[in-house]
Amino acid sequence: MPYVTDIEIIFQNIRRKAPKIHCLTNPVTMQDVANLLLAAGGSAVMGQNEKEVAEITGFCQGTLLNTGVPDEAKINACILAGKKANELKHPVVLDPVGIGASTFRQKAIKNLLAQVHPDLIRCNQEEAAVLCSLFSDSVTPGSHGGVESALHLTESDVRSTAKQTANLFQTTVLITGAIDVVSDGENTQLLTGGDSRICRITGGGCMLSALCTLFLCAADSPFDAACAAGTLWREVAYCAGQRTDAVHGGIGTFHTQLFDVLEEKIFDTETNL
């Protein structure tokens, strides 16, 4: 793997701690998120009701706020869980799914960010640009493609957007696209590799956000966690693609192989790193 931080230490911490992640996540991808966390050595608790989310956050080690398919109750639950996690100093990851798709989403996530501080924001290029436009004088992109990014920024532009987003929210940002970029406002890392088929399955980004949350429970910093999780996810996609091609499989085979490869990378590191 190209990322230089000793990822084996993160793996060891995950295997030792088996962190529980409170996932207030997209109902479209709940099963994949839960299965990914299990394959990676953690587990998911998916309390969604406003009356229980703070309590559940209390016995978990990390919190994922994925705002896909939002309604007022879900946003309120995310705020309650996020505030509790901040209070306990548990890591919080925000995945502002499709924030550019509607005014409701923009207002809801703006309200969430006014009350909750995420340790990491994992988003695509368009979501990052819309986030910046809500809290600065940046121009909102003219094309909003729902949950998929309609932007295709140059490497220089996506570096700049990542740094701007990190500084604006005083956090670490992982922006995914043809090239992933991680920034904490001072340090920036580009992540390459992977397999384009990851864009042909539902939930590739949601699963990466969950993996980031797990890694935040085991790494020294959000920047290290994001770089390691992003690097690993691209390596997993690459290996899943190689195995799929070897058996002349289709997209379903690729989807299954993601979980198999991820498990092997974390639990059989001597032969897979």
C-alpha atoms as a PDB file:
ATOM      1  CA  MET A   1       0.000   0.000   0.000  1.00  0.00           C
ATOM      2  CA  PRO A   2       1.410   3.444  -0.870  1.00  0.00           C
ATOM      3  CA  TYR A   3       0.380   5.254   2.313  1.00  0.00           C
ATOM      4  CA  VAL A   4       3.431   5.448   4.575  1.00  0.00           C
ATOM      5  CA  THR A   5       1.850   5.365   8.050  1.00  0.00           C
ATOM      6  CA  ASP A   6       2.085   1.865   9.560  1.00  0.00           C
ATOM      7  CA  ILE A   7      -1.411   0.640   8.770  1.00  0.00           C
ATOM      8  CA  GLU A   8      -0.690  -2.615  10.592  1.00  0.00           C
ATOM      9  CA  ILE A   9      -0.863  -0.704  13.885  1.00  0.00           C
ATOM     10  CA  ILE A  10      -4.378   0.439  12.980  1.00  0.00           C
ATOM     11  CA  PHE A  11      -5.310  -3.138  12.087  1.00  0.00           C
ATOM     12  CA  GLN A  12      -3.942  -4.380  15.410  1.00  0.00           C
ATOM     13  CA  ASN A  13      -5.941  -1.762  17.304  1.00  0.00           C
ATOM     14  CA  ILE A  14      -9.127  -2.714  15.462  1.00  0.00           C
ATOM     15  CA  ARG A  15      -8.589  -6.405  16.140  1.00  0.00           C
ATOM     16  CA  ARG A  16      -7.930  -5.654  19.816  1.00  0.00           C
ATOM     17  CA  LYS A  17     -10.749  -3.137  20.394  1.00  0.00           C
ATOM     18  CA  ALA A  18     -13.446  -4.395  17.963  1.00  0.00           C
ATOM     19  CA  PRO A  19     -15.058  -0.926  18.001  1.00  0.00           C
ATOM     20  CA  LYS A  20     -18.829  -0.504  17.925  1.00  0.00           C
ATOM     21  CA  ILE A  21     -19.924   2.165  15.456  1.00  0.00           C
ATOM     22  CA  HIS A  22     -23.255   3.947  15.828  1.00  0.00           C
ATOM     23  CA  CYS A  23     -24.424   4.273  12.242  1.00  0.00           C
ATOM     24  CA  LEU A  24     -27.213   6.720  11.517  1.00  0.00           C
ATOM     25  CA  THR A  25     -26.962   5.846   7.905  1.00  0.00           C
ATOM     26  CA  ASN A  26     -28.659   5.651   4.556  1.00  0.00           C
ATOM     27  CA  PRO A  27     -31.410   2.983   4.597  1.00  0.00           C
ATOM     28  CA  VAL A  28     -30.474   2.108   1.024  1.00  0.00           C
ATOM     29  CA  THR A  29     -27.077   0.850   2.187  1.00  0.00           C
ATOM     30  CA  MET A  30     -27.610  -0.246   5.801  1.00  0.00           C
ATOM     31  CA  GLN A  31     -26.901  -3.926   5.147  1.00  0.00           C
ATOM     32  CA  ASP A  32     -23.682  -3.255   3.247  1.00  0.00           C
ATOM     33  CA  VAL A  33     -22.468  -0.846   5.932  1.00  0.00           C
ATOM     34  CA  ALA A  34     -23.168  -3.391   8.682  1.00  0.00           C
ATOM     35  CA  ASN A  35     -21.483  -6.216   6.750  1.00  0.00           C
ATOM     36  CA  LEU A  36     -18.458  -4.072   5.932  1.00  0.00           C
ATOM     37  CA  LEU A  37     -17.893  -3.187   9.587  1.00  0.00           C
ATOM     38  CA  LEU A  38     -18.155  -6.843  10.588  1.00  0.00           C
ATOM     39  CA  ALA A  39     -15.714  -7.866   7.848  1.00  0.00           C
ATOM     40  CA  ALA A  40     -13.300  -5.157   9.013  1.00  0.00           C
ATOM     41  CA  GLY A  41     -13.339  -6.223  12.661  1.00  0.00           C
ATOM     42  CA  GLY A  42     -15.885  -3.818  14.123  1.00  0.00           C
ATOM     43  CA  SER A  43     -19.653  -3.885  14.403  1.00  0.00           C
ATOM     44  CA  ALA A  44     -22.595  -1.593  13.710  1.00  0.00           C
ATOM     45  CA  VAL A  45     -25.407  -0.419  15.946  1.00  0.00           C
ATOM     46  CA  MET A  46     -28.091   1.338  13.924  1.00  0.00           C
ATOM     47  CA  GLY A  47     -30.349   3.163  16.354  1.00  0.00           C
ATOM     48  CA  GLN A  48     -32.312   5.798  14.464  1.00  0.00           C
ATOM     49  CA  ASN A  49     -35.016   7.011  16.849  1.00  0.00           C
ATOM     50  CA  GLU A  50     -34.560  10.383  18.531  1.00  0.00           C
ATOM     51  CA  LYS A  51     -35.507   8.825  21.888  1.00  0.00           C
ATOM     52  CA  GLU A  52     -32.589   6.389  21.894  1.00  0.00           C
ATOM     53  CA  VAL A  53     -29.740   7.749  19.781  1.00  0.00           C
ATOM     54  CA  ALA A  54     -27.911   9.609  22.553  1.00  0.00           C
ATOM     55  CA  GLU A  55     -28.062   6.551  24.808  1.00  0.00           C
ATOM     56  CA  ILE A  56     -26.782   4.260  22.072  1.00  0.00           C
ATOM     57  CA  THR A  57     -24.002   6.688  21.185  1.00  0.00           C
ATOM     58  CA  GLY A  58     -22.884   6.431  24.795  1.00  0.00           C
ATOM     59  CA  PHE A  59     -21.857   2.778  24.555  1.00  0.00           C
ATOM     60  CA  CYS A  60     -20.389   2.953  21.047  1.00  0.00           C
ATOM     61  CA  GLN A  61     -16.874   4.109  20.228  1.00  0.00           C
ATOM     62  CA  GLY A  62     -17.563   6.029  17.005  1.00  0.00           C
ATOM     63  CA  THR A  63     -20.502   7.734  15.293  1.00  0.00           C
ATOM     64  CA  LEU A  64     -21.337   7.875  11.583  1.00  0.00           C
ATOM     65  CA  LEU A  65     -23.814  10.538  10.464  1.00  0.00           C
ATOM     66  CA  ASN A  66     -24.832   9.631   6.912  1.00  0.00           C
ATOM     67  CA  THR A  67     -27.624  11.977   5.828  1.00  0.00           C
ATOM     68  CA  GLY A  68     -28.869   9.964   2.860  1.00  0.00           C
ATOM     69  CA  VAL A  69     -32.685   9.802   2.483  1.00  0.00           C
ATOM     70  CA  PRO A  70     -33.160  12.546   5.097  1.00  0.00           C
ATOM     71  CA  ASP A  71     -36.280  13.700   6.904  1.00  0.00           C
ATOM     72  CA  GLU A  72     -36.705  16.001   9.883  1.00  0.00           C
ATOM     73  CA  ALA A  73     -36.699  13.146  12.409  1.00  0.00           C
ATOM     74  CA  LYS A  74     -33.483  11.690  11.003  1.00  0.00           C
ATOM     75  CA  ILE A  75     -31.683  15.036  11.015  1.00  0.00           C
ATOM     76  CA  ASN A  76     -32.764  15.642  14.611  1.00  0.00           C
ATOM     77  CA  ALA A  77     -31.519  12.162  15.532  1.00  0.00           C
ATOM     78  CA  CYS A  78     -28.177  12.902  13.851  1.00  0.00           C
ATOM     79  CA  ILE A  79     -27.865  16.138  15.839  1.00  0.00           C
ATOM     80  CA  LEU A  80     -28.632  14.401  19.139  1.00  0.00           C
ATOM     81  CA  ALA A  81     -26.203  11.560  18.439  1.00  0.00           C
ATOM     82  CA  GLY A  82     -23.514  13.917  17.172  1.00  0.00           C
ATOM     83  CA  LYS A  83     -23.766  16.223  20.177  1.00  0.00           C
ATOM     84  CA  LYS A  84     -23.503  13.252  22.530  1.00  0.00           C
ATOM     85  CA  ALA A  85     -20.467  11.924  20.665  1.00  0.00           C
ATOM     86  CA  ASN A  86     -18.814  15.366  20.820  1.00  0.00           C
ATOM     87  CA  GLU A  87     -19.526  15.497  24.550  1.00  0.00           C
ATOM     88  CA  LEU A  88     -17.892  12.093  25.034  1.00  0.00           C
ATOM     89  CA  LYS A  89     -15.054  12.988  22.617  1.00  0.00           C
ATOM     90  CA  HIS A  90     -15.927  10.029  20.408  1.00  0.00           C
ATOM     91  CA  PRO A  91     -14.983  10.374  16.729  1.00  0.00           C
ATOM     92  CA  VAL A  92     -17.745  11.628  14.429  1.00  0.00           C
ATOM     93  CA  VAL A  93     -17.830  11.218  10.640  1.00  0.00           C
ATOM     94  CA  LEU A  94     -20.259  13.214   8.505  1.00  0.00           C
ATOM     95  CA  ASP A  95     -21.288  11.929   5.068  1.00  0.00           C
ATOM     96  CA  PRO A  96     -23.508  14.726   3.635  1.00  0.00           C
ATOM     97  CA  VAL A  97     -25.107  12.566   0.961  1.00  0.00           C
ATOM     98  CA  GLY A  98     -26.494  14.531  -1.980  1.00  0.00           C
ATOM     99  CA  ILE A  99     -26.434  17.850  -0.151  1.00  0.00           C
ATOM    100  CA  GLY A 100     -26.806  19.670  -3.454  1.00  0.00           C
ATOM    101  CA  ALA A 101     -29.994  17.808  -4.391  1.00  0.00           C
ATOM    102  CA  SER A 102     -32.445  20.035  -2.495  1.00  0.00           C
ATOM    103  CA  THR A 103     -32.801  23.168  -0.412  1.00  0.00           C
ATOM    104  CA  PHE A 104     -34.128  20.992   2.430  1.00  0.00           C
ATOM    105  CA  ARG A 105     -30.904  18.974   2.571  1.00  0.00           C
ATOM    106  CA  GLN A 106     -28.779  22.106   2.512  1.00  0.00           C
ATOM    107  CA  LYS A 107     -30.691  23.747   5.372  1.00  0.00           C
ATOM    108  CA  ALA A 108     -30.779  20.515   7.373  1.00  0.00           C
ATOM    109  CA  ILE A 109     -27.045  19.837   7.102  1.00  0.00           C
ATOM    110  CA  LYS A 110     -26.233  23.474   7.765  1.00  0.00           C
ATOM    111  CA  ASN A 111     -28.274  23.206  10.969  1.00  0.00           C
ATOM    112  CA  LEU A 112     -26.486  19.962  11.877  1.00  0.00           C
ATOM    113  CA  LEU A 113     -23.062  21.520  11.361  1.00  0.00           C
ATOM    114  CA  ALA A 114     -24.024  24.468  13.550  1.00  0.00           C
ATOM    115  CA  GLN A 115     -24.455  22.053  16.468  1.00  0.00           C
ATOM    116  CA  VAL A 116     -22.128  19.109  15.786  1.00  0.00           C
ATOM    117  CA  HIS A 117     -18.415  19.124  15.024  1.00  0.00           C
ATOM    118  CA  PRO A 118     -17.343  16.235  12.776  1.00  0.00           C
ATOM    119  CA  ASP A 119     -13.808  14.911  13.085  1.00  0.00           C
ATOM    120  CA  LEU A 120     -13.992  13.921   9.428  1.00  0.00           C
ATOM    121  CA  ILE A 121     -16.191  14.849   6.482  1.00  0.00           C
ATOM    122  CA  ARG A 122     -16.257  12.185   3.751  1.00  0.00           C
ATOM    123  CA  CYS A 123     -17.889  13.454   0.565  1.00  0.00           C
ATOM    124  CA  ASN A 124     -17.613  13.694  -3.193  1.00  0.00           C
ATOM    125  CA  GLN A 125     -16.460  16.770  -5.125  1.00  0.00           C
ATOM    126  CA  GLU A 126     -19.881  18.338  -5.585  1.00  0.00           C
ATOM    127  CA  GLU A 127     -20.861  17.772  -1.956  1.00  0.00           C
ATOM    128  CA  ALA A 128     -17.655  19.511  -0.830  1.00  0.00           C
ATOM    129  CA  ALA A 129     -18.310  22.471  -3.111  1.00  0.00           C
ATOM    130  CA  VAL A 130     -21.902  22.834  -1.892  1.00  0.00           C
ATOM    131  CA  LEU A 131     -20.784  22.600   1.746  1.00  0.00           C
ATOM    132  CA  CYS A 132     -18.308  25.415   1.192  1.00  0.00           C
ATOM    133  CA  SER A 133     -20.923  27.553  -0.542  1.00  0.00           C
ATOM    134  CA  LEU A 134     -23.239  27.309   2.478  1.00  0.00           C
ATOM    135  CA  PHE A 135     -20.661  28.726   4.882  1.00  0.00           C
ATOM    136  CA  SER A 136     -18.601  31.021   2.670  1.00  0.00           C
ATOM    137  CA  ASP A 137     -18.793  33.222  -0.416  1.00  0.00           C
ATOM    138  CA  SER A 138     -17.933  30.339  -2.721  1.00  0.00           C
ATOM    139  CA  VAL A 139     -20.165  29.868  -5.725  1.00  0.00           C
ATOM    140  CA  THR A 140     -22.511  26.890  -5.553  1.00  0.00           C
ATOM    141  CA  PRO A 141     -21.977  24.516  -8.507  1.00  0.00           C
ATOM    142  CA  GLY A 142     -24.559  24.966 -11.217  1.00  0.00           C
ATOM    143  CA  SER A 143     -25.280  21.270 -11.665  1.00  0.00           C
ATOM    144  CA  HIS A 144     -26.592  19.149  -8.792  1.00  0.00           C
ATOM    145  CA  GLY A 145     -26.571  15.473  -9.614  1.00  0.00           C
ATOM    146  CA  GLY A 146     -28.224  14.022  -6.546  1.00  0.00           C
ATOM    147  CA  VAL A 147     -25.969  11.632  -4.640  1.00  0.00           C
ATOM    148  CA  GLU A 148     -23.436  11.349  -7.481  1.00  0.00           C
ATOM    149  CA  SER A 149     -21.032  14.183  -8.177  1.00  0.00           C
ATOM    150  CA  ALA A 150     -21.693  16.204 -11.310  1.00  0.00           C
ATOM    151  CA  LEU A 151     -18.335  17.931 -10.928  1.00  0.00           C
ATOM    152  CA  HIS A 152     -15.044  16.702 -12.357  1.00  0.00           C
ATOM    153  CA  LEU A 153     -12.419  18.960 -10.819  1.00  0.00           C
ATOM    154  CA  THR A 154      -8.777  19.060 -11.820  1.00  0.00           C
ATOM    155  CA  GLU A 155      -6.235  17.701  -9.370  1.00  0.00           C
ATOM    156  CA  SER A 156      -5.256  21.253  -8.427  1.00  0.00           C
ATOM    157  CA  ASP A 157      -8.867  22.318  -7.905  1.00  0.00           C
ATOM    158  CA  VAL A 158      -9.791  19.311  -5.778  1.00  0.00           C
ATOM    159  CA  ARG A 159      -6.690  19.880  -3.632  1.00  0.00           C
ATOM    160  CA  SER A 160      -7.785  23.476  -3.137  1.00  0.00           C
ATOM    161  CA  THR A 161     -11.380  22.459  -2.379  1.00  0.00           C
ATOM    162  CA  ALA A 162     -10.243  19.877   0.181  1.00  0.00           C
ATOM    163  CA  LYS A 163      -8.024  22.405   1.958  1.00  0.00           C
ATOM    164  CA  GLN A 164     -10.765  25.048   1.903  1.00  0.00           C
ATOM    165  CA  THR A 165     -13.352  22.630   3.303  1.00  0.00           C
ATOM    166  CA  ALA A 166     -10.993  21.439   6.046  1.00  0.00           C
ATOM    167  CA  ASN A 167     -10.153  24.977   7.114  1.00  0.00           C
ATOM    168  CA  LEU A 168     -13.755  26.161   6.947  1.00  0.00           C
ATOM    169  CA  PHE A 169     -15.012  23.425   9.260  1.00  0.00           C
ATOM    170  CA  GLN A 170     -11.789  22.952  11.260  1.00  0.00           C
ATOM    171  CA  THR A 171     -11.787  19.265  10.461  1.00  0.00           C
ATOM    172  CA  THR A 172     -10.267  16.628   8.193  1.00  0.00           C
ATOM    173  CA  VAL A 173     -11.826  16.039   4.779  1.00  0.00           C
ATOM    174  CA  LEU A 174     -11.723  13.059   2.439  1.00  0.00           C
ATOM    175  CA  ILE A 175     -13.026  13.992  -1.007  1.00  0.00           C
ATOM    176  CA  THR A 176     -13.539  11.008  -3.283  1.00  0.00           C
ATOM    177  CA  GLY A 177     -13.457  10.954  -7.059  1.00  0.00           C
ATOM    178  CA  ALA A 178     -11.152   9.732  -9.813  1.00  0.00           C
ATOM    179  CA  ILE A 179      -8.403  10.703  -7.353  1.00  0.00           C
ATOM    180  CA  ASP A 180      -9.182  10.895  -3.630  1.00  0.00           C
ATOM    181  CA  VAL A 181      -7.810  13.819  -1.634  1.00  0.00           C
ATOM    182  CA  VAL A 182      -7.371  13.982   2.146  1.00  0.00           C
ATOM    183  CA  SER A 183      -6.672  17.296   3.859  1.00  0.00           C
ATOM    184  CA  ASP A 184      -6.667  18.641   7.396  1.00  0.00           C
ATOM    185  CA  GLY A 185      -6.000  22.184   6.182  1.00  0.00           C
ATOM    186  CA  GLU A 186      -2.232  21.846   6.519  1.00  0.00           C
ATOM    187  CA  ASN A 187      -1.392  18.356   5.242  1.00  0.00           C
ATOM    188  CA  THR A 188      -2.722  16.981   1.979  1.00  0.00           C
ATOM    189  CA  GLN A 189      -2.490  13.449   0.575  1.00  0.00           C
ATOM    190  CA  LEU A 190      -3.597  12.162  -2.846  1.00  0.00           C
ATOM    191  CA  LEU A 191      -4.864   8.579  -3.082  1.00  0.00           C
ATOM    192  CA  THR A 192      -4.828   6.721  -6.385  1.00  0.00           C
ATOM    193  CA  GLY A 193      -5.484   3.207  -7.656  1.00  0.00           C
ATOM    194  CA  GLY A 194      -8.644   1.206  -7.154  1.00  0.00           C
ATOM    195  CA  ASP A 195     -11.156  -0.094  -9.688  1.00  0.00           C
ATOM    196  CA  SER A 196     -13.801   1.937 -11.529  1.00  0.00           C
ATOM    197  CA  ARG A 197     -16.421  -0.740 -10.814  1.00  0.00           C
ATOM    198  CA  ILE A 198     -16.727   0.684  -7.296  1.00  0.00           C
ATOM    199  CA  CYS A 199     -18.866   3.416  -8.923  1.00  0.00           C
ATOM    200  CA  ARG A 200     -21.253   0.810 -10.351  1.00  0.00           C
ATOM    201  CA  ILE A 201     -22.446  -0.533  -7.017  1.00  0.00           C
ATOM    202  CA  THR A 202     -24.729   1.305  -4.613  1.00  0.00           C
ATOM    203  CA  GLY A 203     -23.039   2.276  -1.369  1.00  0.00           C
ATOM    204  CA  GLY A 204     -19.339   2.418  -2.197  1.00  0.00           C
ATOM    205  CA  GLY A 205     -19.107   5.843  -0.563  1.00  0.00           C
ATOM    206  CA  CYS A 206     -21.312   4.866   2.376  1.00  0.00           C
ATOM    207  CA  MET A 207     -19.098   1.867   3.067  1.00  0.00           C
ATOM    208  CA  LEU A 208     -15.963   4.011   2.883  1.00  0.00           C
ATOM    209  CA  SER A 209     -17.477   6.460   5.390  1.00  0.00           C
ATOM    210  CA  ALA A 210     -18.133   3.554   7.775  1.00  0.00           C
ATOM    211  CA  LEU A 211     -14.576   2.292   7.300  1.00  0.00           C
ATOM    212  CA  CYS A 212     -13.265   5.784   8.072  1.00  0.00           C
ATOM    213  CA  THR A 213     -15.306   5.869  11.286  1.00  0.00           C
ATOM    214  CA  LEU A 214     -13.870   2.521  12.329  1.00  0.00           C
ATOM    215  CA  PHE A 215     -10.329   3.676  11.566  1.00  0.00           C
ATOM    216  CA  LEU A 216     -10.829   6.877  13.572  1.00  0.00           C
ATOM    217  CA  CYS A 217     -11.298   4.629  16.597  1.00  0.00           C
ATOM    218  CA  ALA A 218      -7.891   3.045  16.013  1.00  0.00           C
ATOM    219  CA  ALA A 219      -5.593   5.705  14.493  1.00  0.00           C
ATOM    220  CA  ASP A 220      -3.548   8.518  16.012  1.00  0.00           C
ATOM    221  CA  SER A 221      -5.345  11.265  14.091  1.00  0.00           C
ATOM    222  CA  PRO A 222      -8.298  11.781  11.742  1.00  0.00           C
ATOM    223  CA  PHE A 223      -5.828  12.548   8.945  1.00  0.00           C
ATOM    224  CA  ASP A 224      -4.019   9.240   9.433  1.00  0.00           C
ATOM    225  CA  ALA A 225      -7.354   7.416   9.684  1.00  0.00           C
ATOM    226  CA  ALA A 226      -8.724   8.937   6.479  1.00  0.00           C
ATOM    227  CA  CYS A 227      -5.528   8.303   4.514  1.00  0.00           C
ATOM    228  CA  ALA A 228      -5.314   4.718   5.725  1.00  0.00           C
ATOM    229  CA  ALA A 229      -9.000   3.933   5.159  1.00  0.00           C
ATOM    230  CA  GLY A 230      -9.029   5.564   1.725  1.00  0.00           C
ATOM    231  CA  THR A 231      -5.852   3.767   0.676  1.00  0.00           C
ATOM    232  CA  LEU A 232      -7.147   0.433   1.929  1.00  0.00           C
ATOM    233  CA  TRP A 233     -10.527   0.856   0.211  1.00  0.00           C
ATOM    234  CA  ARG A 234      -8.845   1.546  -3.131  1.00  0.00           C
ATOM    235  CA  GLU A 235      -6.578  -1.477  -2.660  1.00  0.00           C
ATOM    236  CA  VAL A 236      -9.584  -3.615  -1.766  1.00  0.00           C
ATOM    237  CA  ALA A 237     -11.419  -2.469  -4.908  1.00  0.00           C
ATOM    238  CA  TYR A 238      -8.362  -3.215  -7.050  1.00  0.00           C
ATOM    239  CA  CYS A 239      -7.960  -6.733  -5.647  1.00  0.00           C
ATOM    240  CA  ALA A 240     -11.699  -7.401  -5.887  1.00  0.00           C
ATOM    241  CA  GLY A 241     -11.526  -6.419  -9.544  1.00  0.00           C
ATOM    242  CA  GLN A 242      -8.579  -8.733 -10.178  1.00  0.00           C
ATOM    243  CA  ARG A 243     -10.405 -11.666  -8.602  1.00  0.00           C
ATOM    244  CA  THR A 244     -13.594 -10.867 -10.495  1.00  0.00           C
ATOM    245  CA  ASP A 245     -11.743 -10.827 -13.795  1.00  0.00           C
ATOM    246  CA  ALA A 246     -10.001 -14.102 -12.964  1.00  0.00           C
ATOM    247  CA  VAL A 247     -13.354 -15.916 -12.772  1.00  0.00           C
ATOM    248  CA  HIS A 248     -14.986 -13.860 -15.561  1.00  0.00           C
ATOM    249  CA  GLY A 249     -17.477 -12.558 -13.024  1.00  0.00           C
ATOM    250  CA  GLY A 250     -19.817  -9.596 -13.172  1.00  0.00           C
ATOM    251  CA  ILE A 251     -20.658  -6.707 -10.884  1.00  0.00           C
ATOM    252  CA  GLY A 252     -22.279  -9.035  -8.337  1.00  0.00           C
ATOM    253  CA  THR A 253     -19.051 -10.976  -8.000  1.00  0.00           C
ATOM    254  CA  PHE A 254     -17.131  -7.733  -7.582  1.00  0.00           C
ATOM    255  CA  HIS A 255     -19.516  -6.623  -4.822  1.00  0.00           C
ATOM    256  CA  THR A 256     -19.051  -9.869  -2.898  1.00  0.00           C
ATOM    257  CA  GLN A 257     -15.289  -9.828  -3.341  1.00  0.00           C
ATOM    258  CA  LEU A 258     -15.063  -6.426  -1.646  1.00  0.00           C
ATOM    259  CA  PHE A 259     -16.035  -7.969   1.689  1.00  0.00           C
ATOM    260  CA  ASP A 260     -13.814 -11.030   1.235  1.00  0.00           C
ATOM    261  CA  VAL A 261     -10.747  -8.961   0.338  1.00  0.00           C
ATOM    262  CA  LEU A 262     -11.318  -6.460   3.142  1.00  0.00           C
ATOM    263  CA  GLU A 263     -11.526  -9.209   5.744  1.00  0.00           C
ATOM    264  CA  GLU A 264      -8.327 -10.803   4.465  1.00  0.00           C
ATOM    265  CA  LYS A 265      -6.449  -7.492   4.425  1.00  0.00           C
ATOM    266  CA  ILE A 266      -7.197  -6.804   8.085  1.00  0.00           C
ATOM    267  CA  PHE A 267      -7.044 -10.337   9.505  1.00  0.00           C
ATOM    268  CA  ASP A 268      -4.367 -11.946   7.319  1.00  0.00           C
ATOM    269  CA  THR A 269      -1.972  -9.060   6.932  1.00  0.00           C
ATOM    270  CA  GLU A 270       1.214 -11.109   6.552  1.00  0.00           C
ATOM    271  CA  THR A 271       0.080 -12.414   3.176  1.00  0.00           C
ATOM    272  CA  ASN A 272      -1.943  -9.446   1.941  1.00  0.00           C
ATOM    273  CA  LEU A 273       0.019  -6.261   2.669  1.00  0.00           C
END
